[in-house]
């Protein structure tokens, strides 16, 4: 995500070939998707772990 955004900024400043914008945007979008999936997975892991700990303490 970070590298894709940096590449898009470099293209906007005229430092990099504009024909590479599609690749930079693709990298940015894939980075966003992976980050979102990581956050969802982490939240699910924490919720599941908390429920397991709670169920072990009740019994």
Protein backbone atom coordinates (compact mmCIF):
# COMPACT_ATOMS: atom_id res chain seq x y z
CA UNK A 1 0.00 0.00 0.00
CA UNK A 2 2.73 2.44 0.98
CA UNK A 3 4.90 1.70 -2.03
CA UNK A 4 1.94 2.02 -4.40
CA UNK A 5 1.06 5.42 -2.94
CA UNK A 6 4.68 6.56 -3.14
CA UNK A 7 4.82 5.51 -6.80
CA UNK A 8 1.57 7.36 -7.58
CA UNK A 9 2.95 10.49 -5.91
CA UNK A 10 6.17 10.19 -7.93
CA UNK A 11 4.11 9.89 -11.13
CA UNK A 12 2.08 12.97 -10.15
CA UNK A 13 5.31 14.93 -9.59
CA UNK A 14 6.61 13.81 -13.00
CA UNK A 15 9.49 11.79 -11.55
CA UNK A 16 8.30 8.42 -12.90
CA UNK A 17 6.88 7.17 -16.19
CA UNK A 18 3.09 7.83 -16.24
CA UNK A 19 2.49 4.54 -18.05
CA UNK A 20 3.18 2.78 -14.74
CA UNK A 21 0.21 4.45 -12.98
CA UNK A 22 -2.00 1.36 -13.43
CA UNK A 23 0.55 -0.86 -11.72
CA UNK A 24 0.97 1.64 -8.88
CA UNK A 25 -2.80 1.89 -8.40
CA UNK A 26 -3.08 -1.89 -8.42
CA UNK A 27 -0.39 -2.16 -5.75
CA UNK A 28 -2.18 0.46 -3.66
CA UNK A 29 -5.56 -1.32 -3.90
CA UNK A 30 -4.06 -4.74 -3.13
CA UNK A 31 -2.32 -3.20 -0.12
CA UNK A 32 -5.62 -1.76 1.12
CA UNK A 33 -7.38 -5.10 0.73
CA UNK A 34 -4.63 -7.01 2.52
CA UNK A 35 -4.59 -4.47 5.35
CA UNK A 36 -8.38 -4.71 5.75
CA UNK A 37 -8.25 -8.51 5.81
CA UNK A 38 -5.46 -8.41 8.38
CA UNK A 39 -7.49 -6.13 10.65
CA UNK A 40 -10.61 -8.31 10.31
CA UNK A 41 -8.58 -11.44 11.06
CA UNK A 42 -6.98 -9.82 14.09
CA UNK A 43 -10.36 -8.72 15.47
CA UNK A 44 -11.81 -12.20 14.96
CA UNK A 45 -8.78 -13.75 16.66
CA UNK A 46 -9.11 -11.45 19.68
CA UNK A 47 -12.87 -12.05 19.98
CA UNK A 48 -12.44 -15.83 19.67
CA UNK A 49 -9.60 -15.89 22.19
CA UNK A 50 -11.59 -13.78 24.64
CA UNK A 51 -14.61 -16.09 24.34
CA UNK A 52 -12.44 -19.17 24.93
CA UNK A 53 -10.88 -17.61 28.02
CA UNK A 54 -14.30 -16.55 29.32
CA UNK A 55 -15.80 -20.01 28.78
CA UNK A 56 -12.87 -21.62 30.63
CA UNK A 57 -13.32 -19.30 33.62
CA UNK A 58 -17.08 -19.94 33.95
CA UNK A 59 -16.72 -23.70 34.35
